[in-house]
Structures are given as C-alpha cells and as structure tokens.
Protein backbone atom coordinates (compact mmCIF):
# COMPACT_ATOMS: atom_id res chain seq x y z
CA MET A 1 49.26 43.75 79.06
CA LYS A 2 48.69 46.74 76.66
CA ILE A 3 49.73 44.51 73.69
CA ARG A 4 47.29 41.88 74.64
CA PHE A 5 44.42 44.39 74.97
CA ALA A 6 45.32 45.95 71.66
CA ALA A 7 45.26 42.45 70.04
CA ILE A 8 41.85 41.74 71.54
CA ALA A 9 40.48 45.11 70.34
CA ALA A 10 41.89 44.60 66.80
CA ILE A 11 40.26 41.10 66.67
CA ALA A 12 36.93 42.62 67.90
CA ILE A 13 36.97 45.41 65.28
CA ALA A 14 37.81 42.99 62.44
CA ALA A 15 34.99 40.73 63.49
CA LEU A 16 32.46 43.59 63.70
CA SER A 17 33.59 45.14 60.38
CA GLY A 18 32.54 41.88 58.66
CA CYS A 19 29.06 42.24 60.04
CA THR A 20 26.30 43.55 57.78
CA THR A 21 23.69 45.81 59.35
CA THR A 22 19.98 45.93 58.14
CA GLU A 23 20.70 49.35 56.59
CA GLU A 24 23.75 48.15 54.69
CA ALA A 25 21.82 44.97 53.49
CA GLN A 26 18.90 47.21 52.48
CA GLN A 27 21.13 49.26 50.12
CA VAL A 28 22.55 46.11 48.50
CA ILE A 29 19.05 44.53 48.09
CA GLN A 30 17.58 47.68 46.57
CA SER A 31 20.53 48.18 44.18
CA ARG A 32 20.27 44.50 43.03
CA TRP A 33 16.49 44.08 42.82
CA ILE A 34 14.70 47.42 41.88
CA GLY A 35 13.68 47.23 38.22
CA GLN A 36 14.07 43.48 38.10
CA PRO A 37 11.09 41.13 37.30
CA THR A 38 9.17 40.16 40.44
CA ASP A 39 9.03 36.56 39.10
CA LEU A 40 12.89 36.34 39.12
CA PHE A 41 12.97 37.21 42.83
CA PHE A 42 10.21 34.73 43.74
CA THR A 43 11.72 31.98 41.66
CA GLN A 44 15.02 32.44 43.32
CA TYR A 45 13.80 32.85 46.93
CA GLY A 46 10.28 31.41 47.02
CA PRO A 47 6.70 32.77 46.85
CA PRO A 48 5.43 35.67 48.93
CA LEU A 49 3.43 35.01 52.13
CA SER A 50 0.68 37.39 51.00
CA SER A 51 -0.11 39.87 48.23
CA TYR A 52 -2.38 43.01 48.14
CA GLN A 53 -3.65 44.48 44.91
CA LEU A 54 -3.76 48.34 44.87
CA GLY A 55 -6.17 50.40 42.80
CA ASN A 56 -3.43 51.61 40.34
CA GLY A 57 -2.49 48.03 39.34
CA SER A 58 0.51 47.73 41.61
CA VAL A 59 0.75 44.87 44.18
CA ILE A 60 2.42 44.87 47.43
CA HIS A 61 3.87 41.44 48.39
CA THR A 62 5.07 40.32 51.85
CA TRP A 63 7.83 37.79 51.54
CA ARG A 64 9.49 36.00 54.38
CA GLY A 65 12.48 33.58 54.31
CA GLY A 66 15.45 32.32 56.19
CA ASP A 67 13.36 30.94 59.13
CA THR A 68 15.50 29.25 61.66
CA THR A 69 15.80 29.11 65.51
CA ARG A 70 18.81 29.94 67.66
CA TYR A 71 19.22 28.39 71.13
CA ILE A 72 20.47 30.77 73.72
CA ALA A 73 21.91 29.00 76.73
CA PRO A 74 21.02 30.12 80.29
CA THR A 75 23.43 32.29 82.11
CA TYR A 76 24.36 31.84 85.80
CA SER A 77 26.05 33.81 88.42
CA SER A 78 29.45 32.78 89.70
CA PRO A 79 29.01 32.51 93.46
CA THR A 80 31.72 33.75 95.70
CA PRO A 81 33.08 30.73 97.54
CA ALA A 82 32.46 30.95 101.26
CA LYS A 83 35.66 31.55 103.22
CA ALA A 84 36.70 29.04 105.83
CA THR A 85 37.50 30.33 109.25
CA THR A 86 40.38 29.00 111.24
CA THR A 87 40.49 29.46 114.99
CA THR A 88 43.59 28.46 117.05
CA VAL A 89 43.17 28.15 120.81
CA ARG A 90 46.10 27.59 123.29
CA GLU A 91 45.08 26.07 126.54
CA GLU A 92 47.15 25.12 129.52
CA VAL A 93 45.76 21.82 130.65
CA ALA A 94 48.28 21.13 133.39
CA PRO A 95 51.10 23.19 134.80
CA GLY A 96 53.80 23.30 132.08
CA ARG A 97 51.61 21.44 129.70
CA VAL A 98 50.00 23.59 126.86
CA VAL A 99 47.74 22.14 124.22
CA THR A 100 46.99 23.94 120.96
CA ARG A 101 43.85 23.19 119.18
CA THR A 102 43.16 24.39 115.65
CA THR A 103 39.65 24.30 114.10
CA THR A 104 38.70 25.13 110.56
CA VAL A 105 35.12 25.78 109.72
CA GLY A 106 33.92 26.12 106.12
CA ALA A 107 30.54 27.00 104.70
CA TYR A 108 28.30 24.06 103.96
CA PRO A 109 26.67 23.45 101.66
CA PRO A 110 28.93 25.36 99.24
CA ALA A 111 27.49 28.31 97.49
CA GLN A 112 25.50 27.36 94.39
CA PRO A 113 25.34 29.38 91.16
CA GLN A 114 22.01 31.23 90.54
CA MET A 115 20.32 31.39 87.23
CA ILE A 116 20.36 35.02 85.85
CA SER A 117 18.47 34.34 82.61
CA PRO A 118 16.68 31.12 81.53
CA PRO A 119 17.39 29.26 78.33
CA GLN A 120 15.51 30.49 75.31
CA TYR A 121 14.91 30.03 71.65
CA GLN A 122 15.12 33.01 69.36
CA ALA A 123 13.32 33.12 65.84
CA LEU A 124 15.58 34.34 63.09
CA PHE A 125 14.10 35.44 59.71
CA CYS A 126 13.87 38.04 57.04
CA GLU A 127 10.70 39.77 55.96
CA LEU A 128 10.47 42.00 52.99
CA GLN A 129 7.81 44.30 51.57
CA ILE A 130 7.96 44.28 47.75
CA THR A 131 5.97 46.69 45.59
CA GLU A 132 5.40 45.37 42.09
CA THR A 133 4.49 47.65 39.25
CA PRO A 134 1.64 46.76 36.83
CA ASP A 135 4.34 45.52 34.34
CA ARG A 136 5.45 42.99 37.06
CA ARG A 137 8.75 44.67 37.99
CA ILE A 138 10.08 45.47 41.40
CA ALA A 139 9.40 49.28 42.15
CA SER A 140 10.46 49.08 45.83
CA ILE A 141 11.84 46.57 48.24
CA ARG A 142 12.55 46.97 51.84
CA ALA A 143 13.19 44.96 54.93
CA SER A 144 10.08 45.31 57.18
CA ARG A 145 11.51 42.84 59.77
CA ASP A 146 15.12 41.70 60.03
CA THR A 147 16.35 39.74 62.98
CA ASP A 148 19.99 39.17 63.80
CA GLY A 149 21.61 36.49 61.66
CA GLU A 150 23.18 33.28 62.71
CA GLY A 151 26.56 33.68 64.42
CA LEU A 152 27.85 37.36 64.53
CA SER A 153 25.79 38.76 61.68
CA LEU A 154 23.52 41.67 62.43
CA SER A 155 21.20 41.04 59.45
CA ARG A 156 19.28 37.76 58.63
CA CYS A 157 18.28 39.37 55.38
CA ALA A 158 21.90 39.97 54.45
CA GLU A 159 22.53 36.21 55.10
CA VAL A 160 19.54 34.92 53.26
CA LEU A 161 19.89 37.27 50.26
CA ASN A 162 23.66 37.29 50.15
CA ALA A 163 23.50 41.01 50.40
CA HIS A 164 26.80 41.89 51.94
CA PRO A 165 28.14 45.21 50.84
CA LYS A 166 31.49 45.23 48.91
CA LYS A 167 34.26 46.65 50.99
C-alpha cells in the first residue's frame, strides 16, 4: 500500500512540475520580448485589441490571444444504496407443524445521484499589457489576465506564447 501511495505521489509531483505558473510565464515573456520591436510581436501573435497613446509618445497596447472554451462536466453525488431488510418469522400453524417465512424488503425507487455542480463552459485566454516606447520597442510586457491553460497547465499565456521556463 505504501509503495502504491508513493508511486501516485511521484506521478502527481512530476505532472505538477511540468506546469508553468503565470509568474514563471511572465519571467520568460519579459526576458524574450523586452527591447524587441513591437511589430515583431504583433506580426507573430496578431494585432492588439486596443491602444492608448501617452503624452510622452509611448503607447500602451492591450493584446489578447489563445481564446478557447473548456467544457467542465457536471459532478454528481454517489448515493448510498438503501439497505434491504430481511425479516424471518417462525410460526406454529398446527401442533407439531412450524412454518418459517422470510421477507426481504428493499428501498424503492433506488437512491438517485444528486447534481452537486452543473455543467459549465470556462473561457480560456491570455491578455497582455504591452508598453511601447516612442521608437516602437517593447518597454514592458505583463500578463494582465491569464486563465488556466488547457489540460493541466496553470497558464494560458505560457501555452499561447510558448513561454515555458527551461528546467
């Protein structure tokens, strides 16, 4: 039993160690993109959703990508099956003659599972705030909204921008 538990724990740790968090993705994204031309980013990943011109000539862009939807199935309780009750009665119907009757009664209708949480759809996406210098280079880039990724990933930005830290 201890070996089985240790094996399950090792698999869980290995799976989670492969997950990239938003903070880890943020570091990779910054190291890769700060100082690069903004046009290079937008050519590779698509145009920004919006842009806001600052007085000093800088521009703040809001970029969003990797939009998809994940279906989350409903969860149900596991009802405890009703126990059948058995009753045995011995009855003397005539002198020297005994009859034994056994009756089993079960619950009807059987217990039904109850819905704990309904089915739902979850939006997955990565949203970045990119500050561009007057000479059109990325001065800062940060994830302003980062959902979980598809599967076991903790960062949609890491998936979309291939921003997994080197281990």
